[in-house]
């Protein structure tokens, strides 16, 4: 996987009882940094997929985040 500004981007939303943005699309431009961030993510609780999808729509995939063009 190739990461560079203007190419591939990654964001992470964890969701259990509640959803939380762990990092936005503009946080990392290097594959190793993304994989390192992912290796520390773990949440306990129920699976609240609806909250995660709403958070992605409202907080990650928005025009005011400079990573989205």
Protein backbone atom coordinates (compact mmCIF):
# COMPACT_ATOMS: atom_id res chain seq x y z
CA UNK A 1 0.00 0.00 0.00
CA UNK A 2 1.39 3.40 -0.99
CA UNK A 3 0.65 6.46 1.13
CA UNK A 4 1.42 9.99 0.08
CA UNK A 5 -0.27 13.34 0.35
CA UNK A 6 -2.69 13.49 -2.58
CA UNK A 7 -2.77 9.70 -3.07
CA UNK A 8 -4.01 6.99 -0.66
CA UNK A 9 -5.33 8.13 2.71
CA UNK A 10 -6.56 6.32 5.79
CA UNK A 11 -8.78 7.29 8.69
CA UNK A 12 -9.85 5.24 11.66
CA UNK A 13 -13.08 5.32 13.61
CA UNK A 14 -13.35 2.91 16.50
CA UNK A 15 -16.81 1.98 17.64
CA UNK A 16 -18.11 0.10 20.59
CA UNK A 17 -20.77 1.64 22.82
CA UNK A 18 -19.84 4.97 21.17
CA UNK A 19 -17.87 5.94 18.08
CA UNK A 20 -14.63 7.91 18.16
CA UNK A 21 -12.38 9.24 15.39
CA UNK A 22 -8.90 7.96 16.22
CA UNK A 23 -7.25 9.75 13.30
CA UNK A 24 -8.45 11.71 10.28
CA UNK A 25 -7.55 11.31 6.62
CA UNK A 26 -4.82 13.96 6.87
CA UNK A 27 -3.06 12.47 9.93
CA UNK A 28 -0.58 10.14 8.21
CA UNK A 29 1.15 9.99 4.84
CA UNK A 30 3.33 6.94 5.53
CA UNK A 31 2.20 3.32 5.58
CA UNK A 32 4.35 2.47 8.63
CA UNK A 33 2.80 5.31 10.63
CA UNK A 34 -0.72 4.09 9.82
CA UNK A 35 0.11 0.49 10.71
CA UNK A 36 1.74 1.62 13.95
CA UNK A 37 -1.36 3.65 14.88
CA UNK A 38 -3.62 0.69 14.06
CA UNK A 39 -1.62 -1.70 16.22
CA UNK A 40 -2.59 0.18 19.40
CA UNK A 41 -6.33 0.51 18.73
CA UNK A 42 -8.74 -1.65 20.67
CA UNK A 43 -12.13 -0.86 22.18
CA UNK A 44 -14.45 -2.94 24.27
CA UNK A 45 -18.22 -2.82 24.31
CA UNK A 46 -21.08 -3.37 21.92
CA UNK A 47 -20.86 -2.86 18.15
CA UNK A 48 -22.39 0.52 17.33
CA UNK A 49 -21.94 0.52 13.55
CA UNK A 50 -24.62 3.18 13.05
CA UNK A 51 -22.71 5.68 15.20
CA UNK A 52 -19.46 4.94 13.36
CA UNK A 53 -21.05 5.48 9.94
CA UNK A 54 -22.68 8.72 11.09
CA UNK A 55 -19.36 9.93 12.48
CA UNK A 56 -17.57 9.10 9.21
CA UNK A 57 -20.17 11.09 7.30
CA UNK A 58 -20.24 14.05 9.69
CA UNK A 59 -16.60 14.32 10.81
CA UNK A 60 -14.29 12.50 8.37
CA UNK A 61 -15.79 12.90 4.90
CA UNK A 62 -16.48 16.62 5.08
CA UNK A 63 -15.47 19.40 2.72
CA UNK A 64 -14.00 21.49 5.55
CA UNK A 65 -11.34 18.81 6.25
CA UNK A 66 -8.54 19.92 3.93
CA UNK A 67 -7.79 16.32 2.92
CA UNK A 68 -11.06 16.07 1.00
CA UNK A 69 -11.19 17.64 -2.43
